[in-house]
PDB file of N, CA and C in Angstrom:
ATOM      1  N   ILE A   1     -21.793  19.815  39.756  1.00  0.00           N
ATOM      2  CA  ILE A   1     -21.487  20.939  39.012  1.00  0.00           C
ATOM      3  C   ILE A   1     -22.677  21.071  37.969  1.00  0.00           C
ATOM      4  N   ARG A   2     -23.359  22.210  38.191  1.00  0.00           N
ATOM      5  CA  ARG A   2     -24.595  22.324  37.202  1.00  0.00           C
ATOM      6  C   ARG A   2     -24.311  23.298  36.029  1.00  0.00           C
ATOM      7  N   ASN A   3     -23.398  24.303  36.158  1.00  0.00           N
ATOM      8  CA  ASN A   3     -23.252  25.230  35.141  1.00  0.00           C
ATOM      9  C   ASN A   3     -21.753  25.470  34.914  1.00  0.00           C
ATOM     10  N   ALA A   4     -21.215  24.975  33.863  1.00  0.00           N
ATOM     11  CA  ALA A   4     -19.907  25.256  33.484  1.00  0.00           C
ATOM     12  C   ALA A   4     -19.641  24.977  32.086  1.00  0.00           C
ATOM     13  N   GLY A   5     -18.798  25.787  31.392  1.00  0.00           N
ATOM     14  CA  GLY A   5     -18.568  25.515  30.029  1.00  0.00           C
ATOM     15  C   GLY A   5     -17.597  24.364  29.814  1.00  0.00           C
ATOM     16  N   ALA A   6     -16.691  24.298  30.750  1.00  0.00           N
ATOM     17  CA  ALA A   6     -15.798  23.101  30.758  1.00  0.00           C
ATOM     18  C   ALA A   6     -15.382  22.740  32.191  1.00  0.00           C
ATOM     19  N   VAL A   7     -15.188  21.480  32.500  1.00  0.00           N
ATOM     20  CA  VAL A   7     -14.698  21.048  33.724  1.00  0.00           C
ATOM     21  C   VAL A   7     -13.375  20.433  33.555  1.00  0.00           C
ATOM     22  N   PHE A   8     -12.268  20.784  34.249  1.00  0.00           N
ATOM     23  CA  PHE A   8     -10.915  20.283  34.277  1.00  0.00           C
ATOM     24  C   PHE A   8     -10.653  19.412  35.455  1.00  0.00           C
ATOM     25  N   LEU A   9     -10.593  18.056  35.240  1.00  0.00           N
ATOM     26  CA  LEU A   9     -10.534  17.151  36.408  1.00  0.00           C
ATOM     27  C   LEU A   9      -9.017  16.826  36.627  1.00  0.00           C
ATOM     28  N   GLY A  10      -8.600  16.841  37.870  1.00  0.00           N
ATOM     29  CA  GLY A  10      -7.373  16.450  38.337  1.00  0.00           C
ATOM     30  C   GLY A  10      -6.233  17.417  38.159  1.00  0.00           C
ATOM     31  N   ALA A  11      -5.171  17.056  38.800  1.00  0.00           N
ATOM     32  CA  ALA A  11      -3.951  17.992  38.993  1.00  0.00           C
ATOM     33  C   ALA A  11      -3.293  18.238  37.591  1.00  0.00           C
ATOM     34  N   TYR A  12      -3.523  17.357  36.659  1.00  0.00           N
ATOM     35  CA  TYR A  12      -2.885  17.589  35.316  1.00  0.00           C
ATOM     36  C   TYR A  12      -3.818  17.896  34.227  1.00  0.00           C
ATOM     37  N   SER A  13      -4.874  18.618  34.581  1.00  0.00           N
ATOM     38  CA  SER A  13      -5.883  19.153  33.668  1.00  0.00           C
ATOM     39  C   SER A  13      -6.058  20.623  33.876  1.00  0.00           C
ATOM     40  N   PRO A  14      -5.008  21.446  33.755  1.00  0.00           N
ATOM     41  CA  PRO A  14      -5.113  22.906  34.050  1.00  0.00           C
ATOM     42  C   PRO A  14      -5.888  23.666  32.921  1.00  0.00           C
ATOM     43  N   GLU A  15      -6.476  24.731  33.217  1.00  0.00           N
ATOM     44  CA  GLU A  15      -7.210  25.506  32.324  1.00  0.00           C
ATOM     45  C   GLU A  15      -6.580  25.854  31.062  1.00  0.00           C
ATOM     46  N   PRO A  16      -5.277  26.192  31.047  1.00  0.00           N
ATOM     47  CA  PRO A  16      -4.680  26.460  29.732  1.00  0.00           C
ATOM     48  C   PRO A  16      -4.678  25.219  28.737  1.00  0.00           C
ATOM     49  N   LEU A  17      -4.696  24.057  29.303  1.00  0.00           N
ATOM     50  CA  LEU A  17      -4.833  22.882  28.379  1.00  0.00           C
ATOM     51  C   LEU A  17      -6.064  23.031  27.511  1.00  0.00           C
ATOM     52  N   GLY A  18      -7.151  23.439  28.063  1.00  0.00           N
ATOM     53  CA  GLY A  18      -8.400  23.675  27.286  1.00  0.00           C
ATOM     54  C   GLY A  18      -8.251  24.869  26.191  1.00  0.00           C
ATOM     55  N   ASP A  19      -7.518  25.900  26.668  1.00  0.00           N
ATOM     56  CA  ASP A  19      -7.289  27.098  25.866  1.00  0.00           C
ATOM     57  C   ASP A  19      -6.583  26.700  24.625  1.00  0.00           C
ATOM     58  N   TYR A  20      -5.483  25.989  24.714  1.00  0.00           N
ATOM     59  CA  TYR A  20      -4.504  25.801  23.651  1.00  0.00           C
ATOM     60  C   TYR A  20      -4.459  24.317  23.014  1.00  0.00           C
ATOM     61  N   ILE A  21      -4.889  23.309  23.638  1.00  0.00           N
ATOM     62  CA  ILE A  21      -4.659  21.962  23.095  1.00  0.00           C
ATOM     63  C   ILE A  21      -5.929  21.053  23.127  1.00  0.00           C
ATOM     64  N   ALA A  22      -6.712  20.911  24.203  1.00  0.00           N
ATOM     65  CA  ALA A  22      -7.678  19.943  24.340  1.00  0.00           C
ATOM     66  C   ALA A  22      -8.943  20.143  23.524  1.00  0.00           C
ATOM     67  N   GLY A  23      -9.180  21.437  23.079  1.00  0.00           N
ATOM     68  CA  GLY A  23     -10.335  21.598  22.216  1.00  0.00           C
ATOM     69  C   GLY A  23     -11.186  22.820  22.395  1.00  0.00           C
ATOM     70  N   PRO A  24     -11.836  23.088  23.593  1.00  0.00           N
ATOM     71  CA  PRO A  24     -12.851  24.077  23.598  1.00  0.00           C
ATOM     72  C   PRO A  24     -12.361  25.560  23.421  1.00  0.00           C
ATOM     73  N   SER A  25     -11.116  25.711  23.710  1.00  0.00           N
ATOM     74  CA  SER A  25     -10.430  27.083  23.417  1.00  0.00           C
ATOM     75  C   SER A  25     -11.226  28.182  23.896  1.00  0.00           C
ATOM     76  N   HIS A  26     -11.316  29.282  23.225  1.00  0.00           N
ATOM     77  CA  HIS A  26     -12.004  30.505  23.741  1.00  0.00           C
ATOM     78  C   HIS A  26     -13.400  30.737  23.211  1.00  0.00           C
ATOM     79  N   VAL A  27     -14.127  29.525  23.061  1.00  0.00           N
ATOM     80  CA  VAL A  27     -15.518  29.609  22.674  1.00  0.00           C
ATOM     81  C   VAL A  27     -16.348  29.127  23.778  1.00  0.00           C
ATOM     82  N   LEU A  28     -15.852  29.167  25.040  1.00  0.00           N
ATOM     83  CA  LEU A  28     -16.663  28.795  26.324  1.00  0.00           C
ATOM     84  C   LEU A  28     -17.510  29.983  26.686  1.00  0.00           C
ATOM     85  N   PRO A  29     -18.669  29.694  27.285  1.00  0.00           N
ATOM     86  CA  PRO A  29     -19.491  30.759  27.772  1.00  0.00           C
ATOM     87  C   PRO A  29     -18.817  31.630  28.847  1.00  0.00           C
ATOM     88  N   THR A  30     -19.104  32.909  28.888  1.00  0.00           N
ATOM     89  CA  THR A  30     -18.444  33.740  29.883  1.00  0.00           C
ATOM     90  C   THR A  30     -19.544  34.509  30.628  1.00  0.00           C
ATOM     91  N   SER A  31     -19.055  35.236  31.644  1.00  0.00           N
ATOM     92  CA  SER A  31     -19.959  36.160  32.344  1.00  0.00           C
ATOM     93  C   SER A  31     -21.293  35.432  32.919  1.00  0.00           C
ATOM     94  N   GLY A  32     -21.107  34.271  33.449  1.00  0.00           N
ATOM     95  CA  GLY A  32     -22.162  33.557  34.044  1.00  0.00           C
ATOM     96  C   GLY A  32     -23.170  32.931  32.957  1.00  0.00           C
ATOM     97  N   THR A  33     -22.827  32.951  31.751  1.00  0.00           N
ATOM     98  CA  THR A  33     -23.748  32.418  30.766  1.00  0.00           C
ATOM     99  C   THR A  33     -23.701  30.893  30.605  1.00  0.00           C
ATOM    100  N   ALA A  34     -22.780  30.228  31.323  1.00  0.00           N
ATOM    101  CA  ALA A  34     -22.723  28.794  31.375  1.00  0.00           C
ATOM    102  C   ALA A  34     -24.002  28.242  31.977  1.00  0.00           C
ATOM    103  N   ARG A  35     -24.775  29.082  32.645  1.00  0.00           N
ATOM    104  CA  ARG A  35     -26.056  28.654  33.222  1.00  0.00           C
ATOM    105  C   ARG A  35     -27.158  28.194  32.116  1.00  0.00           C
ATOM    106  N   PHE A  36     -26.827  28.847  30.916  1.00  0.00           N
ATOM    107  CA  PHE A  36     -27.785  28.628  29.788  1.00  0.00           C
ATOM    108  C   PHE A  36     -27.226  28.425  28.462  1.00  0.00           C
ATOM    109  N   PHE A  37     -25.776  28.542  28.297  1.00  0.00           N
ATOM    110  CA  PHE A  37     -25.184  28.418  27.006  1.00  0.00           C
ATOM    111  C   PHE A  37     -24.048  27.370  27.162  1.00  0.00           C
ATOM    112  N   SER A  38     -23.746  26.691  26.046  1.00  0.00           N
ATOM    113  CA  SER A  38     -22.655  25.758  25.967  1.00  0.00           C
ATOM    114  C   SER A  38     -21.555  26.349  25.073  1.00  0.00           C
ATOM    115  N   PRO A  39     -20.419  25.619  24.952  1.00  0.00           N
ATOM    116  CA  PRO A  39     -19.509  26.166  24.103  1.00  0.00           C
ATOM    117  C   PRO A  39     -19.995  26.263  22.639  1.00  0.00           C
ATOM    118  N   LEU A  40     -19.511  27.219  21.839  1.00  0.00           N
ATOM    119  CA  LEU A  40     -20.060  27.645  20.495  1.00  0.00           C
ATOM    120  C   LEU A  40     -19.818  26.419  19.584  1.00  0.00           C
ATOM    121  N   SER A  41     -20.938  26.013  18.902  1.00  0.00           N
ATOM    122  CA  SER A  41     -20.992  25.024  17.863  1.00  0.00           C
ATOM    123  C   SER A  41     -22.147  25.059  17.144  1.00  0.00           C
ATOM    124  N   VAL A  42     -22.232  24.216  16.089  1.00  0.00           N
ATOM    125  CA  VAL A  42     -23.378  24.254  15.104  1.00  0.00           C
ATOM    126  C   VAL A  42     -24.755  23.882  15.864  1.00  0.00           C
ATOM    127  N   ASP A  43     -24.574  23.163  16.908  1.00  0.00           N
ATOM    128  CA  ASP A  43     -25.851  22.897  17.666  1.00  0.00           C
ATOM    129  C   ASP A  43     -25.843  23.630  19.025  1.00  0.00           C
ATOM    130  N   SER A  44     -25.569  25.021  18.930  1.00  0.00           N
ATOM    131  CA  SER A  44     -25.411  25.697  20.155  1.00  0.00           C
ATOM    132  C   SER A  44     -26.725  25.982  20.840  1.00  0.00           C
ATOM    133  N   PHE A  45     -27.859  25.454  20.368  1.00  0.00           N
ATOM    134  CA  PHE A  45     -29.177  25.595  21.101  1.00  0.00           C
ATOM    135  C   PHE A  45     -29.171  24.502  22.161  1.00  0.00           C
ATOM    136  N   LEU A  46     -28.362  23.487  22.180  1.00  0.00           N
ATOM    137  CA  LEU A  46     -28.379  22.540  23.166  1.00  0.00           C
ATOM    138  C   LEU A  46     -27.348  22.888  24.331  1.00  0.00           C
ATOM    139  N   LYS A  47     -27.677  22.485  25.572  1.00  0.00           N
ATOM    140  CA  LYS A  47     -26.795  22.793  26.590  1.00  0.00           C
ATOM    141  C   LYS A  47     -25.908  21.625  26.889  1.00  0.00           C
ATOM    142  N   LYS A  48     -24.633  21.930  26.911  1.00  0.00           N
ATOM    143  CA  LYS A  48     -23.524  20.771  27.128  1.00  0.00           C
ATOM    144  C   LYS A  48     -22.498  21.286  28.096  1.00  0.00           C
ATOM    145  N   MET A  49     -21.700  20.352  28.421  1.00  0.00           N
ATOM    146  CA  MET A  49     -20.545  20.632  29.305  1.00  0.00           C
ATOM    147  C   MET A  49     -19.438  19.882  28.804  1.00  0.00           C
ATOM    148  N   ILE A  50     -18.243  20.319  28.736  1.00  0.00           N
ATOM    149  CA  ILE A  50     -17.025  19.654  28.210  1.00  0.00           C
ATOM    150  C   ILE A  50     -16.310  19.263  29.531  1.00  0.00           C
ATOM    151  N   VAL A  51     -15.790  18.021  29.598  1.00  0.00           N
ATOM    152  CA  VAL A  51     -15.015  17.458  30.667  1.00  0.00           C
ATOM    153  C   VAL A  51     -13.662  17.022  30.132  1.00  0.00           C
ATOM    154  N   ILE A  52     -12.637  17.682  30.690  1.00  0.00           N
ATOM    155  CA  ILE A  52     -11.231  17.380  30.270  1.00  0.00           C
ATOM    156  C   ILE A  52     -10.434  16.749  31.422  1.00  0.00           C
ATOM    157  N   GLU A  53      -9.833  15.694  31.123  1.00  0.00           N
ATOM    158  CA  GLU A  53      -8.977  15.051  32.230  1.00  0.00           C
ATOM    159  C   GLU A  53      -7.749  14.474  31.499  1.00  0.00           C
ATOM    160  N   TYR A  54      -6.537  15.021  31.903  1.00  0.00           N
ATOM    161  CA  TYR A  54      -5.334  14.559  31.309  1.00  0.00           C
ATOM    162  C   TYR A  54      -4.512  13.893  32.460  1.00  0.00           C
ATOM    163  N   SER A  55      -3.751  12.888  32.154  1.00  0.00           N
ATOM    164  CA  SER A  55      -2.760  12.223  33.052  1.00  0.00           C
ATOM    165  C   SER A  55      -1.461  13.071  33.105  1.00  0.00           C
ATOM    166  N   ARG A  56      -0.614  12.821  34.053  1.00  0.00           N
ATOM    167  CA  ARG A  56       0.716  13.486  34.100  1.00  0.00           C
ATOM    168  C   ARG A  56       1.438  13.322  32.833  1.00  0.00           C
ATOM    169  N   ASP A  57       1.513  12.103  32.306  1.00  0.00           N
ATOM    170  CA  ASP A  57       2.208  11.785  31.064  1.00  0.00           C
ATOM    171  C   ASP A  57       1.648  12.624  29.944  1.00  0.00           C
ATOM    172  N   ALA A  58       0.284  12.605  29.795  1.00  0.00           N
ATOM    173  CA  ALA A  58      -0.303  13.233  28.640  1.00  0.00           C
ATOM    174  C   ALA A  58      -0.084  14.775  28.648  1.00  0.00           C
ATOM    175  N   LEU A  59      -0.187  15.376  29.902  1.00  0.00           N
ATOM    176  CA  LEU A  59      -0.074  16.792  30.016  1.00  0.00           C
ATOM    177  C   LEU A  59       1.578  17.116  29.669  1.00  0.00           C
ATOM    178  N   SER A  60       2.421  16.313  30.180  1.00  0.00           N
ATOM    179  CA  SER A  60       3.825  16.404  29.959  1.00  0.00           C
ATOM    180  C   SER A  60       4.191  16.483  28.480  1.00  0.00           C
ATOM    181  N   ASN A  61       3.441  15.679  27.680  1.00  0.00           N
ATOM    182  CA  ASN A  61       3.630  15.654  26.141  1.00  0.00           C
ATOM    183  C   ASN A  61       3.290  16.999  25.581  1.00  0.00           C
ATOM    184  N   GLU A  62       2.351  17.769  26.163  1.00  0.00           N
ATOM    185  CA  GLU A  62       1.699  18.955  25.585  1.00  0.00           C
ATOM    186  C   GLU A  62       2.292  20.232  26.271  1.00  0.00           C
ATOM    187  N   ALA A  63       3.002  20.039  27.394  1.00  0.00           N
ATOM    188  CA  ALA A  63       3.410  21.170  28.223  1.00  0.00           C
ATOM    189  C   ALA A  63       4.111  22.294  27.561  1.00  0.00           C
ATOM    190  N   GLY A  64       5.096  21.977  26.770  1.00  0.00           N
ATOM    191  CA  GLY A  64       5.853  22.915  26.020  1.00  0.00           C
ATOM    192  C   GLY A  64       5.086  23.735  25.051  1.00  0.00           C
ATOM    193  N   LYS A  65       4.133  23.052  24.358  1.00  0.00           N
ATOM    194  CA  LYS A  65       3.250  23.753  23.384  1.00  0.00           C
ATOM    195  C   LYS A  65       2.401  24.696  24.167  1.00  0.00           C
ATOM    196  N   ILE A  66       1.808  24.328  25.319  1.00  0.00           N
ATOM    197  CA  ILE A  66       0.843  25.094  26.065  1.00  0.00           C
ATOM    198  C   ILE A  66       1.609  26.417  26.486  1.00  0.00           C
ATOM    199  N   ALA A  67       2.741  26.146  27.072  1.00  0.00           N
ATOM    200  CA  ALA A  67       3.531  27.309  27.524  1.00  0.00           C
ATOM    201  C   ALA A  67       3.979  28.252  26.493  1.00  0.00           C
ATOM    202  N   THR A  68       4.301  27.742  25.316  1.00  0.00           N
ATOM    203  CA  THR A  68       4.695  28.609  24.175  1.00  0.00           C
ATOM    204  C   THR A  68       3.431  29.509  23.751  1.00  0.00           C
ATOM    205  N   PHE A  69       2.250  28.814  23.665  1.00  0.00           N
ATOM    206  CA  PHE A  69       1.062  29.681  23.270  1.00  0.00           C
ATOM    207  C   PHE A  69       0.762  30.647  24.339  1.00  0.00           C
ATOM    208  N   ALA A  70       0.817  30.275  25.680  1.00  0.00           N
ATOM    209  CA  ALA A  70       0.618  31.222  26.710  1.00  0.00           C
ATOM    210  C   ALA A  70       1.515  32.420  26.679  1.00  0.00           C
ATOM    211  N   GLU A  71       2.778  32.139  26.569  1.00  0.00           N
ATOM    212  CA  GLU A  71       3.800  33.269  26.568  1.00  0.00           C
ATOM    213  C   GLU A  71       3.595  34.125  25.284  1.00  0.00           C
ATOM    214  N   ALA A  72       3.151  33.582  24.144  1.00  0.00           N
ATOM    215  CA  ALA A  72       2.837  34.331  22.901  1.00  0.00           C
ATOM    216  C   ALA A  72       1.711  35.300  23.165  1.00  0.00           C
ATOM    217  N   GLU A  73       0.825  34.949  24.015  1.00  0.00           N
ATOM    218  CA  GLU A  73      -0.275  35.862  24.382  1.00  0.00           C
ATOM    219  C   GLU A  73      -0.104  36.653  25.632  1.00  0.00           C
ATOM    220  N   ALA A  74       1.258  36.624  26.194  1.00  0.00           N
ATOM    221  CA  ALA A  74       1.625  37.326  27.340  1.00  0.00           C
ATOM    222  C   ALA A  74       0.830  36.920  28.599  1.00  0.00           C
ATOM    223  N   LEU A  75       0.441  35.634  28.608  1.00  0.00           N
ATOM    224  CA  LEU A  75      -0.319  35.149  29.724  1.00  0.00           C
ATOM    225  C   LEU A  75       0.625  34.217  30.604  1.00  0.00           C
ATOM    226  N   THR A  76       1.424  34.920  31.328  1.00  0.00           N
ATOM    227  CA  THR A  76       2.480  34.144  32.086  1.00  0.00           C
ATOM    228  C   THR A  76       1.902  33.304  33.201  1.00  0.00           C
ATOM    229  N   ALA A  77       0.751  33.665  33.771  1.00  0.00           N
ATOM    230  CA  ALA A  77       0.141  32.697  34.797  1.00  0.00           C
ATOM    231  C   ALA A  77      -0.292  31.449  34.150  1.00  0.00           C
ATOM    232  N   HIS A  78      -0.793  31.558  32.905  1.00  0.00           N
ATOM    233  CA  HIS A  78      -1.156  30.280  32.191  1.00  0.00           C
ATOM    234  C   HIS A  78       0.035  29.370  32.079  1.00  0.00           C
ATOM    235  N   ALA A  79       1.220  29.910  31.531  1.00  0.00           N
ATOM    236  CA  ALA A  79       2.362  29.224  31.353  1.00  0.00           C
ATOM    237  C   ALA A  79       2.950  28.705  32.653  1.00  0.00           C
ATOM    238  N   ASN A  80       2.860  29.458  33.701  1.00  0.00           N
ATOM    239  CA  ASN A  80       3.293  28.964  35.085  1.00  0.00           C
ATOM    240  C   ASN A  80       2.423  27.862  35.622  1.00  0.00           C
ATOM    241  N   SER A  81       1.109  27.946  35.316  1.00  0.00           N
ATOM    242  CA  SER A  81       0.231  26.866  35.771  1.00  0.00           C
ATOM    243  C   SER A  81       0.593  25.480  35.226  1.00  0.00           C
ATOM    244  N   ILE A  82       1.271  25.512  34.119  1.00  0.00           N
ATOM    245  CA  ILE A  82       1.871  24.249  33.495  1.00  0.00           C
ATOM    246  C   ILE A  82       3.082  23.884  34.212  1.00  0.00           C
ATOM    247  N   ARG A  83       4.027  24.784  34.198  1.00  0.00           N
ATOM    248  CA  ARG A  83       5.321  24.545  34.734  1.00  0.00           C
ATOM    249  C   ARG A  83       5.267  24.048  36.172  1.00  0.00           C
ATOM    250  N   VAL A  84       4.485  24.661  37.050  1.00  0.00           N
ATOM    251  CA  VAL A  84       4.421  24.377  38.475  1.00  0.00           C
ATOM    252  C   VAL A  84       4.054  22.836  38.622  1.00  0.00           C
ATOM    253  N   ARG A  85       3.267  22.190  37.778  1.00  0.00           N
ATOM    254  CA  ARG A  85       2.941  20.875  37.989  1.00  0.00           C
ATOM    255  C   ARG A  85       4.107  19.859  37.743  1.00  0.00           C
ATOM    256  N   PHE A  86       5.175  20.331  37.209  1.00  0.00           N
ATOM    257  CA  PHE A  86       6.323  19.503  37.002  1.00  0.00           C
ATOM    258  C   PHE A  86       7.561  19.844  37.684  1.00  0.00           C
ATOM    259  N   GLU A  87       7.493  20.757  38.733  1.00  0.00           N
ATOM    260  CA  GLU A  87       8.567  21.158  39.517  1.00  0.00           C
ATOM    261  C   GLU A  87       8.699  20.041  40.701  1.00  0.00           C
ATOM    262  N   SER A  88       9.832  19.845  41.072  1.00  0.00           N
ATOM    263  CA  SER A  88      10.115  18.819  42.046  1.00  0.00           C
ATOM    264  C   SER A  88      10.272  19.366  43.399  1.00  0.00           C
TER     265      SER A  88
END
């Protein structure tokens, strides 16, 4: 991976985790700018990439909060991306 604002590793590290809990939120580069920009910070002149990896247990602890935030923003697919990981 050469150009990404954030990389979500594994089945229990969905993108809404980054939006609501793990940190980078909505300050990630968009529209292809990850080729030359990193998430917004005081040292934004440096190129960086955030890597997020949660275990099933860790995501389970945050799942309710993530779904609540997603639903508050009317982002049902974000909420569903959390729920589907815990369906049997």
